[in-house]
């Protein structure tokens, strides 16, 4: 995944989720004002969701909209490690240059991930790109949340306590995290005991 993400157009978005554990809708909704490069923090305050279109009679018509994250605990700060923060900053500089070339004014209100018209890319388009990355990387049966699960696994393997993991993921309570990742805890306990 890391190798393919280096050259794929949506590679940075894939890396963002892999390195931060964000939900896809949260990642797609990021604006530059949400990223504090000085402190190395990503502020999660919103997400993109699809909602039924009330302005049409079609039963299955939906519109993309910004909403608050899944739960009140999903409003959170996630720290970036230095090398990824540098990569994201380099991407921002490239995007500012691209906007100048294409006669778009840059604003901190702009979304981080935009298409050719400087409009946000919605999660279902990213899913198509994600599938391309997985196919090129030769990885099968890996849905969107595989990146989030991989991030969580690495956190636990590297000694992050389960409460901090839960807060970083934006789970509403620690039992959600424990239920999903309890299979990792025996190995984690063994590693901790060996450190003692």
N, C-alpha and C. Protein backbone atom coordinates (compact mmCIF):
# COMPACT_ATOMS: atom_id res chain seq x y z
N UNK A 1 0.85 -1.20 0.00
CA UNK A 1 0.00 0.00 0.00
C UNK A 1 0.88 1.25 0.00
N UNK A 2 1.90 1.25 0.85
CA UNK A 2 2.78 2.42 0.95
C UNK A 2 3.48 2.70 -0.37
N UNK A 3 3.91 1.65 -1.03
CA UNK A 3 4.61 1.80 -2.32
C UNK A 3 3.69 2.40 -3.38
N UNK A 4 2.49 1.87 -3.49
CA UNK A 4 1.53 2.35 -4.49
C UNK A 4 1.08 3.77 -4.16
N UNK A 5 0.88 4.06 -2.87
CA UNK A 5 0.39 5.37 -2.46
C UNK A 5 1.36 6.49 -2.82
N UNK A 6 2.64 6.17 -3.02
CA UNK A 6 3.63 7.19 -3.36
C UNK A 6 3.36 7.85 -4.72
N UNK A 7 2.71 7.12 -5.63
CA UNK A 7 2.49 7.70 -6.96
C UNK A 7 1.02 7.78 -7.37
N UNK A 8 0.13 7.10 -6.65
CA UNK A 8 -1.28 7.14 -7.02
C UNK A 8 -1.89 8.50 -6.66
N UNK A 9 -2.78 9.06 -7.51
CA UNK A 9 -3.36 10.38 -7.24
C UNK A 9 -4.05 10.50 -5.88
N UNK A 10 -4.66 9.43 -5.40
CA UNK A 10 -5.33 9.52 -4.09
C UNK A 10 -4.50 8.89 -2.98
N UNK A 11 -3.21 8.68 -3.26
CA UNK A 11 -2.35 8.01 -2.30
C UNK A 11 -2.27 8.71 -0.95
N UNK A 12 -2.23 10.04 -0.96
CA UNK A 12 -2.11 10.77 0.29
C UNK A 12 -3.35 10.58 1.16
N UNK A 13 -4.51 10.50 0.52
CA UNK A 13 -5.75 10.29 1.27
C UNK A 13 -5.72 8.91 1.93
N UNK A 14 -5.23 7.91 1.21
CA UNK A 14 -5.09 6.56 1.76
C UNK A 14 -4.12 6.59 2.94
N UNK A 15 -2.98 7.27 2.78
CA UNK A 15 -2.00 7.35 3.86
C UNK A 15 -2.56 8.09 5.07
N UNK A 16 -3.36 9.12 4.83
CA UNK A 16 -3.95 9.87 5.94
C UNK A 16 -4.75 8.94 6.85
N UNK A 17 -5.59 8.10 6.25
CA UNK A 17 -6.40 7.19 7.06
C UNK A 17 -5.53 6.12 7.71
N UNK A 18 -4.57 5.62 6.96
CA UNK A 18 -3.67 4.59 7.48
C UNK A 18 -2.84 5.11 8.65
N UNK A 19 -2.49 6.39 8.63
CA UNK A 19 -1.62 6.96 9.66
C UNK A 19 -2.38 7.69 10.77
N UNK A 20 -3.70 7.84 10.64
CA UNK A 20 -4.44 8.60 11.65
C UNK A 20 -5.68 7.87 12.16
N UNK A 21 -6.15 6.88 11.43
CA UNK A 21 -7.35 6.16 11.84
C UNK A 21 -8.65 6.91 11.62
N UNK A 22 -8.62 7.97 10.80
CA UNK A 22 -9.85 8.73 10.54
C UNK A 22 -10.86 7.87 9.78
N UNK A 23 -12.12 8.19 9.96
CA UNK A 23 -13.16 7.58 9.13
C UNK A 23 -13.10 8.24 7.75
N UNK A 24 -13.48 7.52 6.69
CA UNK A 24 -13.39 8.10 5.35
C UNK A 24 -14.12 9.44 5.20
N UNK A 25 -15.32 9.54 5.76
CA UNK A 25 -16.07 10.79 5.67
C UNK A 25 -15.40 11.94 6.40
N UNK A 26 -14.69 11.62 7.50
CA UNK A 26 -13.95 12.63 8.24
C UNK A 26 -12.75 13.13 7.43
N UNK A 27 -12.07 12.20 6.80
CA UNK A 27 -10.90 12.57 5.98
C UNK A 27 -11.31 13.43 4.80
N UNK A 28 -12.41 13.06 4.14
CA UNK A 28 -12.87 13.81 2.97
C UNK A 28 -13.33 15.21 3.33
N UNK A 29 -13.80 15.40 4.57
CA UNK A 29 -14.34 16.70 5.00
C UNK A 29 -13.29 17.65 5.56
N UNK A 30 -12.04 17.22 5.60
CA UNK A 30 -11.01 18.09 6.17
C UNK A 30 -10.80 19.35 5.34
N UNK A 31 -10.71 20.47 6.02
CA UNK A 31 -10.33 21.73 5.40
C UNK A 31 -8.94 22.10 5.94
N UNK A 32 -8.24 22.96 5.21
CA UNK A 32 -6.89 23.32 5.64
C UNK A 32 -6.89 23.96 7.02
N UNK A 33 -7.96 24.64 7.37
CA UNK A 33 -8.02 25.27 8.70
C UNK A 33 -8.07 24.23 9.82
N UNK A 34 -8.37 22.97 9.47
CA UNK A 34 -8.44 21.90 10.47
C UNK A 34 -7.06 21.31 10.78
N UNK A 35 -6.05 21.70 10.03
CA UNK A 35 -4.73 21.10 10.19
C UNK A 35 -3.76 22.13 10.76
N UNK A 36 -3.27 21.85 11.94
CA UNK A 36 -2.33 22.73 12.63
C UNK A 36 -0.93 22.14 12.46
N UNK A 37 -0.19 22.66 11.49
CA UNK A 37 1.14 22.13 11.21
C UNK A 37 2.13 22.47 12.32
N UNK A 38 1.93 23.60 13.01
CA UNK A 38 2.85 23.98 14.10
C UNK A 38 2.79 22.96 15.24
N UNK A 39 1.58 22.54 15.58
CA UNK A 39 1.41 21.60 16.69
C UNK A 39 1.34 20.14 16.22
N UNK A 40 1.21 19.94 14.90
CA UNK A 40 1.11 18.59 14.37
C UNK A 40 -0.21 17.92 14.70
N UNK A 41 -1.30 18.70 14.63
CA UNK A 41 -2.62 18.20 15.04
C UNK A 41 -3.62 18.33 13.90
N UNK A 42 -4.47 17.32 13.76
CA UNK A 42 -5.63 17.39 12.87
C UNK A 42 -6.86 17.50 13.75
N UNK A 43 -7.64 18.56 13.54
CA UNK A 43 -8.87 18.77 14.31
C UNK A 43 -10.04 18.14 13.54
N UNK A 44 -10.70 17.17 14.14
CA UNK A 44 -11.85 16.51 13.50
C UNK A 44 -13.11 17.13 14.07
N UNK A 45 -13.87 17.83 13.20
CA UNK A 45 -15.08 18.53 13.66
C UNK A 45 -16.31 18.23 12.80
N UNK A 46 -16.10 17.51 11.68
CA UNK A 46 -17.22 17.29 10.74
C UNK A 46 -16.92 16.09 9.86
N UNK A 47 -17.93 15.68 9.11
CA UNK A 47 -17.76 14.58 8.16
C UNK A 47 -18.70 14.79 6.97
N UNK A 48 -18.35 14.17 5.86
CA UNK A 48 -19.26 14.15 4.72
C UNK A 48 -20.16 12.93 4.85
N UNK A 49 -21.44 13.13 4.60
CA UNK A 49 -22.39 12.02 4.57
C UNK A 49 -23.35 12.23 3.40
N UNK A 50 -23.95 11.14 2.97
CA UNK A 50 -25.00 11.22 1.95
C UNK A 50 -26.34 11.16 2.65
N UNK A 51 -27.20 12.10 2.29
CA UNK A 51 -28.53 12.16 2.90
C UNK A 51 -29.57 12.17 1.80
N UNK A 52 -30.76 11.69 2.15
CA UNK A 52 -31.83 11.68 1.15
C UNK A 52 -32.18 13.10 0.76
N UNK A 53 -32.38 13.30 -0.54
CA UNK A 53 -32.70 14.61 -1.09
C UNK A 53 -34.18 14.89 -0.88
N UNK A 54 -34.49 15.87 -0.04
CA UNK A 54 -35.88 16.21 0.27
C UNK A 54 -36.53 17.04 -0.85
N UNK A 55 -35.69 17.54 -1.76
CA UNK A 55 -36.20 18.41 -2.82
C UNK A 55 -36.60 17.66 -4.09
N UNK A 56 -36.68 16.35 -4.02
CA UNK A 56 -37.06 15.57 -5.19
C UNK A 56 -38.02 14.47 -4.79
N UNK A 57 -38.79 14.01 -5.74
CA UNK A 57 -39.75 12.94 -5.44
C UNK A 57 -39.12 11.56 -5.57
N UNK A 58 -37.91 11.48 -6.13
CA UNK A 58 -37.24 10.18 -6.30
C UNK A 58 -36.91 9.59 -4.93
N UNK A 59 -37.24 8.31 -4.76
CA UNK A 59 -37.04 7.65 -3.46
C UNK A 59 -35.57 7.49 -3.08
N UNK A 60 -34.71 7.30 -4.08
CA UNK A 60 -33.33 6.98 -3.76
C UNK A 60 -32.35 8.12 -4.07
N UNK A 61 -32.86 9.31 -4.31
CA UNK A 61 -32.00 10.45 -4.61
C UNK A 61 -31.32 10.94 -3.32
N UNK A 62 -30.01 11.12 -3.39
CA UNK A 62 -29.27 11.60 -2.22
C UNK A 62 -28.41 12.79 -2.59
N UNK A 63 -28.04 13.55 -1.58
CA UNK A 63 -27.13 14.69 -1.76
C UNK A 63 -26.01 14.57 -0.74
N UNK A 64 -24.86 15.08 -1.13
CA UNK A 64 -23.71 15.06 -0.24
C UNK A 64 -23.79 16.27 0.68
N UNK A 65 -23.56 16.05 1.95
CA UNK A 65 -23.62 17.17 2.88
C UNK A 65 -22.64 17.02 4.03
N UNK A 66 -22.30 18.14 4.62
CA UNK A 66 -21.45 18.13 5.81
C UNK A 66 -22.32 17.98 7.04
N UNK A 67 -21.87 17.18 7.96
CA UNK A 67 -22.60 17.02 9.21
C UNK A 67 -21.60 16.87 10.35
N UNK A 68 -22.10 16.89 11.56
CA UNK A 68 -21.23 16.64 12.70
C UNK A 68 -20.77 15.19 12.64
N UNK A 69 -19.63 14.90 13.24
CA UNK A 69 -19.17 13.51 13.24
C UNK A 69 -20.15 12.57 13.92
N UNK A 70 -19.86 11.29 13.82
CA UNK A 70 -20.75 10.21 14.25
C UNK A 70 -21.27 10.38 15.68
N UNK A 71 -20.39 10.69 16.62
CA UNK A 71 -20.79 10.92 18.02
C UNK A 71 -20.05 12.14 18.55
N UNK A 72 -20.42 12.59 19.74
CA UNK A 72 -19.72 13.75 20.33
C UNK A 72 -18.26 13.42 20.60
N UNK A 73 -17.95 12.13 20.79
CA UNK A 73 -16.56 11.73 21.02
C UNK A 73 -15.75 11.73 19.73
N UNK A 74 -16.46 11.80 18.60
CA UNK A 74 -15.76 11.84 17.31
C UNK A 74 -15.18 13.22 17.02
N UNK A 75 -15.63 14.22 17.77
CA UNK A 75 -15.01 15.55 17.67
C UNK A 75 -13.75 15.48 18.53
N UNK A 76 -12.60 15.51 17.87
CA UNK A 76 -11.36 15.20 18.58
C UNK A 76 -10.16 15.77 17.84
N UNK A 77 -9.01 15.69 18.49
CA UNK A 77 -7.74 16.05 17.87
C UNK A 77 -6.92 14.78 17.69
N UNK A 78 -6.32 14.65 16.53
CA UNK A 78 -5.45 13.51 16.24
C UNK A 78 -4.07 14.06 15.89
N UNK A 79 -3.06 13.54 16.56
CA UNK A 79 -1.69 13.99 16.31
C UNK A 79 -1.11 13.29 15.08
N UNK A 80 -0.33 14.04 14.31
CA UNK A 80 0.37 13.47 13.16
C UNK A 80 1.82 13.21 13.56
N UNK A 81 2.41 12.15 13.03
CA UNK A 81 3.85 12.02 13.25
C UNK A 81 4.57 12.87 12.22
N UNK A 82 5.81 13.25 12.54
CA UNK A 82 6.52 14.29 11.80
C UNK A 82 6.64 14.04 10.31
N UNK A 83 7.01 12.82 9.92
CA UNK A 83 7.24 12.58 8.49
C UNK A 83 5.95 12.73 7.69
N UNK A 84 4.81 12.31 8.26
CA UNK A 84 3.56 12.48 7.53
C UNK A 84 3.15 13.96 7.50
N UNK A 85 3.37 14.67 8.60
CA UNK A 85 3.05 16.11 8.62
C UNK A 85 3.83 16.84 7.53
N UNK A 86 5.09 16.47 7.34
CA UNK A 86 5.90 17.09 6.28
C UNK A 86 5.35 16.76 4.90
N UNK A 87 4.90 15.52 4.74
CA UNK A 87 4.33 15.10 3.46
C UNK A 87 3.04 15.87 3.16
N UNK A 88 2.23 16.05 4.19
CA UNK A 88 0.97 16.78 4.03
C UNK A 88 1.23 18.26 3.74
N UNK A 89 2.25 18.82 4.38
CA UNK A 89 2.60 20.23 4.14
C UNK A 89 3.12 20.40 2.71
N UNK A 90 3.91 19.46 2.22
CA UNK A 90 4.41 19.52 0.85
C UNK A 90 3.25 19.45 -0.13
N UNK A 91 2.24 18.62 0.19
CA UNK A 91 1.04 18.51 -0.65
C UNK A 91 0.29 19.84 -0.65
N UNK A 92 0.18 20.48 0.50
CA UNK A 92 -0.50 21.77 0.57
C UNK A 92 0.20 22.79 -0.32
N UNK A 93 1.53 22.84 -0.26
CA UNK A 93 2.29 23.78 -1.09
C UNK A 93 2.05 23.51 -2.58
N UNK A 94 2.00 22.22 -2.95
CA UNK A 94 1.72 21.86 -4.36
C UNK A 94 0.32 22.30 -4.75
N UNK A 95 -0.63 22.12 -3.83
CA UNK A 95 -2.02 22.50 -4.13
C UNK A 95 -2.15 24.01 -4.30
N UNK A 96 -1.43 24.78 -3.50
CA UNK A 96 -1.46 26.25 -3.62
C UNK A 96 -0.93 26.65 -5.00
N UNK A 97 0.17 26.02 -5.43
CA UNK A 97 0.72 26.29 -6.76
C UNK A 97 -0.27 25.90 -7.85
N UNK A 98 -0.90 24.73 -7.70
CA UNK A 98 -1.89 24.26 -8.68
C UNK A 98 -3.06 25.24 -8.78
N UNK A 99 -3.50 25.76 -7.64
CA UNK A 99 -4.61 26.71 -7.65
C UNK A 99 -4.23 27.99 -8.39
N UNK A 100 -3.00 28.46 -8.15
CA UNK A 100 -2.54 29.67 -8.86
C UNK A 100 -2.54 29.44 -10.37
N UNK A 101 -2.02 28.29 -10.78
CA UNK A 101 -1.96 27.96 -12.21
C UNK A 101 -3.36 27.87 -12.82
N UNK A 102 -4.33 27.45 -12.04
CA UNK A 102 -5.69 27.25 -12.54
C UNK A 102 -6.65 28.37 -12.13
N UNK A 103 -6.07 29.47 -11.64
CA UNK A 103 -6.82 30.68 -11.30
C UNK A 103 -7.86 30.48 -10.20
N UNK A 104 -7.50 29.66 -9.23
CA UNK A 104 -8.31 29.53 -8.02
C UNK A 104 -7.57 30.25 -6.90
N UNK A 105 -8.30 30.98 -6.08
CA UNK A 105 -7.69 31.59 -4.91
C UNK A 105 -7.60 30.54 -3.80
N UNK A 106 -6.48 30.52 -3.11
CA UNK A 106 -6.37 29.57 -1.99
C UNK A 106 -6.97 30.19 -0.74
N UNK A 107 -7.67 29.35 0.02
CA UNK A 107 -8.23 29.77 1.29
C UNK A 107 -8.07 28.63 2.28
N UNK A 108 -7.91 28.97 3.55
CA UNK A 108 -7.84 27.94 4.59
C UNK A 108 -9.20 27.25 4.75
N UNK A 109 -10.24 27.83 4.16
CA UNK A 109 -11.57 27.20 4.16
C UNK A 109 -11.66 26.10 3.09
N UNK A 110 -10.70 26.07 2.17
CA UNK A 110 -10.71 25.06 1.11
C UNK A 110 -10.58 23.66 1.70
N UNK A 111 -11.19 22.71 1.02
CA UNK A 111 -11.04 21.32 1.43
C UNK A 111 -9.65 20.83 1.03
N UNK A 112 -9.12 19.92 1.82
CA UNK A 112 -7.78 19.40 1.58
C UNK A 112 -7.74 18.60 0.28
N UNK A 113 -8.76 17.77 0.08
CA UNK A 113 -8.79 16.91 -1.11
C UNK A 113 -9.87 17.41 -2.05
N UNK A 114 -9.43 17.94 -3.19
CA UNK A 114 -10.36 18.54 -4.16
C UNK A 114 -10.11 17.96 -5.55
N UNK A 115 -11.14 18.10 -6.39
CA UNK A 115 -11.03 17.68 -7.78
C UNK A 115 -10.58 18.83 -8.66
N UNK A 116 -10.70 18.65 -9.97
CA UNK A 116 -10.19 19.63 -10.93
C UNK A 116 -10.91 20.98 -10.87
N UNK A 117 -12.12 21.01 -10.30
CA UNK A 117 -12.85 22.28 -10.18
C UNK A 117 -12.70 22.88 -8.79
N UNK A 118 -11.74 22.40 -8.02
CA UNK A 118 -11.48 22.87 -6.66
C UNK A 118 -12.67 22.62 -5.74
N UNK A 119 -13.43 21.57 -6.04
CA UNK A 119 -14.56 21.15 -5.20
C UNK A 119 -14.16 19.88 -4.46
N UNK A 120 -14.73 19.67 -3.26
CA UNK A 120 -14.34 18.49 -2.48
C UNK A 120 -14.66 17.17 -3.20
N UNK A 121 -13.81 16.19 -2.95
CA UNK A 121 -14.05 14.85 -3.49
C UNK A 121 -14.83 14.07 -2.44
N UNK A 122 -15.93 13.49 -2.84
CA UNK A 122 -16.77 12.80 -1.86
C UNK A 122 -16.25 11.38 -1.59
N UNK A 123 -16.63 10.81 -0.44
CA UNK A 123 -16.12 9.50 -0.04
C UNK A 123 -16.33 8.38 -1.06
N UNK A 124 -17.45 8.35 -1.77
CA UNK A 124 -17.66 7.23 -2.68
C UNK A 124 -16.73 7.29 -3.90
N UNK A 125 -16.28 8.49 -4.27
CA UNK A 125 -15.27 8.60 -5.33
C UNK A 125 -13.93 8.11 -4.79
N UNK A 126 -13.64 8.48 -3.55
CA UNK A 126 -12.41 7.98 -2.92
C UNK A 126 -12.42 6.46 -2.83
N UNK A 127 -13.60 5.89 -2.63
CA UNK A 127 -13.67 4.43 -2.52
C UNK A 127 -13.22 3.79 -3.84
N UNK A 128 -13.61 4.40 -4.95
CA UNK A 128 -13.19 3.90 -6.25
C UNK A 128 -11.66 3.98 -6.36
N UNK A 129 -11.08 5.12 -5.95
CA UNK A 129 -9.62 5.27 -5.97
C UNK A 129 -8.95 4.28 -5.03
N UNK A 130 -9.56 4.09 -3.87
CA UNK A 130 -9.02 3.15 -2.88
C UNK A 130 -8.95 1.74 -3.47
N UNK A 131 -10.02 1.35 -4.18
CA UNK A 131 -10.03 0.03 -4.80
C UNK A 131 -8.90 -0.10 -5.83
N UNK A 132 -8.63 0.98 -6.56
CA UNK A 132 -7.52 0.98 -7.52
C UNK A 132 -6.18 0.75 -6.81
N UNK A 133 -5.99 1.46 -5.70
CA UNK A 133 -4.74 1.30 -4.93
C UNK A 133 -4.59 -0.14 -4.46
N UNK A 134 -5.67 -0.71 -3.93
CA UNK A 134 -5.62 -2.09 -3.43
C UNK A 134 -5.33 -3.09 -4.56
N UNK A 135 -5.96 -2.83 -5.71
CA UNK A 135 -5.76 -3.74 -6.85
C UNK A 135 -4.30 -3.69 -7.33
N UNK A 136 -3.77 -2.48 -7.46
CA UNK A 136 -2.38 -2.34 -7.90
C UNK A 136 -1.43 -2.97 -6.88
N UNK A 137 -1.77 -2.82 -5.59
CA UNK A 137 -0.92 -3.37 -4.52
C UNK A 137 -1.08 -4.89 -4.38
N UNK A 138 -2.07 -5.45 -5.08
CA UNK A 138 -2.28 -6.90 -5.01
C UNK A 138 -2.93 -7.37 -3.72
N UNK A 139 -3.74 -6.49 -3.11
CA UNK A 139 -4.41 -6.82 -1.85
C UNK A 139 -5.90 -7.06 -2.13
N UNK A 140 -6.39 -8.21 -1.72
CA UNK A 140 -7.79 -8.58 -1.95
C UNK A 140 -8.59 -8.49 -0.65
N UNK A 141 -9.90 -8.34 -0.81
CA UNK A 141 -10.84 -8.35 0.32
C UNK A 141 -10.46 -7.36 1.42
N UNK A 142 -10.08 -6.17 1.01
CA UNK A 142 -9.75 -5.13 1.99
C UNK A 142 -10.68 -3.95 1.76
N UNK A 143 -11.70 -3.81 2.62
CA UNK A 143 -12.62 -2.69 2.44
C UNK A 143 -12.02 -1.41 3.03
N UNK A 144 -12.80 -0.33 2.92
CA UNK A 144 -12.36 0.98 3.38
C UNK A 144 -11.79 0.95 4.80
N UNK A 145 -12.49 0.23 5.68
CA UNK A 145 -12.13 0.27 7.10
C UNK A 145 -10.89 -0.54 7.43
N UNK A 146 -10.37 -1.26 6.44
CA UNK A 146 -9.13 -2.01 6.65
C UNK A 146 -8.01 -1.05 7.06
N UNK A 147 -7.98 0.14 6.48
CA UNK A 147 -6.94 1.12 6.82
C UNK A 147 -7.07 1.54 8.28
N UNK A 148 -8.28 1.80 8.71
CA UNK A 148 -8.55 2.21 10.10
C UNK A 148 -8.19 1.07 11.07
N UNK A 149 -8.55 -0.15 10.68
CA UNK A 149 -8.22 -1.30 11.53
C UNK A 149 -6.71 -1.51 11.60
N UNK A 150 -6.03 -1.31 10.48
CA UNK A 150 -4.57 -1.46 10.46
C UNK A 150 -3.92 -0.42 11.38
N UNK A 151 -4.40 0.81 11.31
CA UNK A 151 -3.90 1.87 12.19
C UNK A 151 -4.07 1.46 13.65
N UNK A 152 -5.24 0.97 14.00
CA UNK A 152 -5.52 0.58 15.38
C UNK A 152 -4.62 -0.56 15.84
N UNK A 153 -4.46 -1.55 14.97
CA UNK A 153 -3.59 -2.68 15.28
C UNK A 153 -2.17 -2.21 15.57
N UNK A 154 -1.66 -1.30 14.74
CA UNK A 154 -0.30 -0.80 14.93
C UNK A 154 -0.18 -0.01 16.24
N UNK A 155 -1.22 0.75 16.58
CA UNK A 155 -1.20 1.50 17.84
C UNK A 155 -1.08 0.55 19.03
N UNK A 156 -1.91 -0.49 19.04
CA UNK A 156 -1.90 -1.45 20.15
C UNK A 156 -0.58 -2.21 20.18
N UNK A 157 -0.10 -2.63 19.02
CA UNK A 157 1.17 -3.36 18.95
C UNK A 157 2.35 -2.53 19.47
N UNK A 158 2.24 -1.21 19.31
CA UNK A 158 3.33 -0.33 19.73
C UNK A 158 3.12 0.25 21.13
N UNK A 159 2.16 -0.31 21.87
CA UNK A 159 2.04 0.02 23.28
C UNK A 159 1.08 1.14 23.65
N UNK A 160 0.30 1.67 22.70
CA UNK A 160 -0.67 2.70 23.06
C UNK A 160 -1.75 2.06 23.92
N UNK A 161 -2.08 2.70 25.04
CA UNK A 161 -3.09 2.10 25.92
C UNK A 161 -4.47 2.18 25.26
N UNK A 162 -5.34 1.28 25.64
CA UNK A 162 -6.61 1.10 24.94
C UNK A 162 -7.52 2.33 25.06
N UNK A 163 -7.42 3.07 26.16
CA UNK A 163 -8.21 4.30 26.31
C UNK A 163 -7.77 5.33 25.28
N UNK A 164 -6.46 5.48 25.11
CA UNK A 164 -5.95 6.44 24.13
C UNK A 164 -6.32 6.01 22.71
N UNK A 165 -6.27 4.71 22.44
CA UNK A 165 -6.69 4.19 21.13
C UNK A 165 -8.15 4.57 20.88
N UNK A 166 -8.98 4.34 21.89
CA UNK A 166 -10.41 4.63 21.77
C UNK A 166 -10.66 6.11 21.49
N UNK A 167 -9.94 6.98 22.21
CA UNK A 167 -10.10 8.42 22.01
C UNK A 167 -9.63 8.85 20.63
N UNK A 168 -8.52 8.26 20.18
CA UNK A 168 -7.98 8.61 18.87
C UNK A 168 -8.94 8.21 17.76
N UNK A 169 -9.60 7.07 17.91
CA UNK A 169 -10.55 6.60 16.91
C UNK A 169 -11.88 7.34 16.96
N UNK A 170 -12.17 8.02 18.09
CA UNK A 170 -13.44 8.73 18.24
C UNK A 170 -14.58 7.82 18.62
N UNK A 171 -14.27 6.69 19.26
CA UNK A 171 -15.33 5.79 19.72
C UNK A 171 -16.08 6.42 20.89
N UNK A 172 -17.38 6.16 20.97
CA UNK A 172 -18.19 6.78 22.01
C UNK A 172 -17.88 6.22 23.40
N UNK A 173 -17.42 4.97 23.46
CA UNK A 173 -16.96 4.43 24.75
C UNK A 173 -15.91 3.35 24.51
N UNK A 174 -15.17 3.09 25.54
CA UNK A 174 -14.03 2.19 25.42
C UNK A 174 -14.46 0.76 25.10
N UNK A 175 -15.69 0.40 25.49
CA UNK A 175 -16.16 -0.97 25.22
C UNK A 175 -16.25 -1.25 23.72
N UNK A 176 -16.55 -0.23 22.94
CA UNK A 176 -16.58 -0.40 21.48
C UNK A 176 -15.21 -0.83 20.98
N UNK A 177 -14.18 -0.15 21.48
CA UNK A 177 -12.81 -0.47 21.08
C UNK A 177 -12.43 -1.86 21.56
N UNK A 178 -12.76 -2.16 22.81
CA UNK A 178 -12.42 -3.47 23.37
C UNK A 178 -13.11 -4.60 22.61
N UNK A 179 -14.37 -4.40 22.25
CA UNK A 179 -15.11 -5.44 21.52
C UNK A 179 -14.49 -5.71 20.15
N UNK A 180 -14.02 -4.65 19.49
CA UNK A 180 -13.47 -4.83 18.15
C UNK A 180 -12.04 -5.35 18.14
N UNK A 181 -11.27 -4.99 19.19
CA UNK A 181 -9.83 -5.27 19.14
C UNK A 181 -9.33 -6.13 20.30
N UNK A 182 -10.24 -6.78 21.02
CA UNK A 182 -9.83 -7.57 22.18
C UNK A 182 -8.90 -8.72 21.78
N UNK A 183 -9.02 -9.20 20.54
CA UNK A 183 -8.16 -10.31 20.10
C UNK A 183 -6.68 -9.92 20.07
N UNK A 184 -6.39 -8.62 20.05
CA UNK A 184 -4.99 -8.16 20.02
C UNK A 184 -4.38 -8.04 21.42
N UNK A 185 -5.24 -7.99 22.44
CA UNK A 185 -4.76 -7.65 23.77
C UNK A 185 -3.86 -8.69 24.42
N UNK A 186 -4.09 -10.00 24.24
CA UNK A 186 -3.15 -10.95 24.86
C UNK A 186 -1.71 -10.75 24.41
N UNK A 187 -1.49 -10.52 23.10
CA UNK A 187 -0.14 -10.27 22.61
C UNK A 187 0.42 -8.97 23.20
N UNK A 188 -0.46 -7.96 23.30
CA UNK A 188 -0.06 -6.68 23.86
C UNK A 188 0.33 -6.84 25.32
N UNK A 189 -0.44 -7.62 26.07
CA UNK A 189 -0.15 -7.86 27.48
C UNK A 189 1.21 -8.56 27.62
N UNK A 190 1.45 -9.53 26.77
CA UNK A 190 2.73 -10.27 26.81
C UNK A 190 3.90 -9.31 26.56
N UNK A 191 3.76 -8.44 25.56
CA UNK A 191 4.82 -7.48 25.25
C UNK A 191 5.06 -6.54 26.42
N UNK A 192 3.97 -6.10 27.07
CA UNK A 192 4.11 -5.19 28.23
C UNK A 192 4.82 -5.89 29.38
N UNK A 193 4.47 -7.15 29.62
CA UNK A 193 5.09 -7.91 30.70
C UNK A 193 6.58 -8.11 30.42
N UNK A 194 6.92 -8.34 29.17
CA UNK A 194 8.33 -8.52 28.82
C UNK A 194 9.11 -7.22 29.05
N UNK A 195 8.45 -6.06 28.80
CA UNK A 195 9.11 -4.78 29.06
C UNK A 195 9.39 -4.62 30.55
N UNK A 196 8.43 -5.07 31.40
CA UNK A 196 8.62 -5.01 32.85
C UNK A 196 9.82 -5.83 33.27
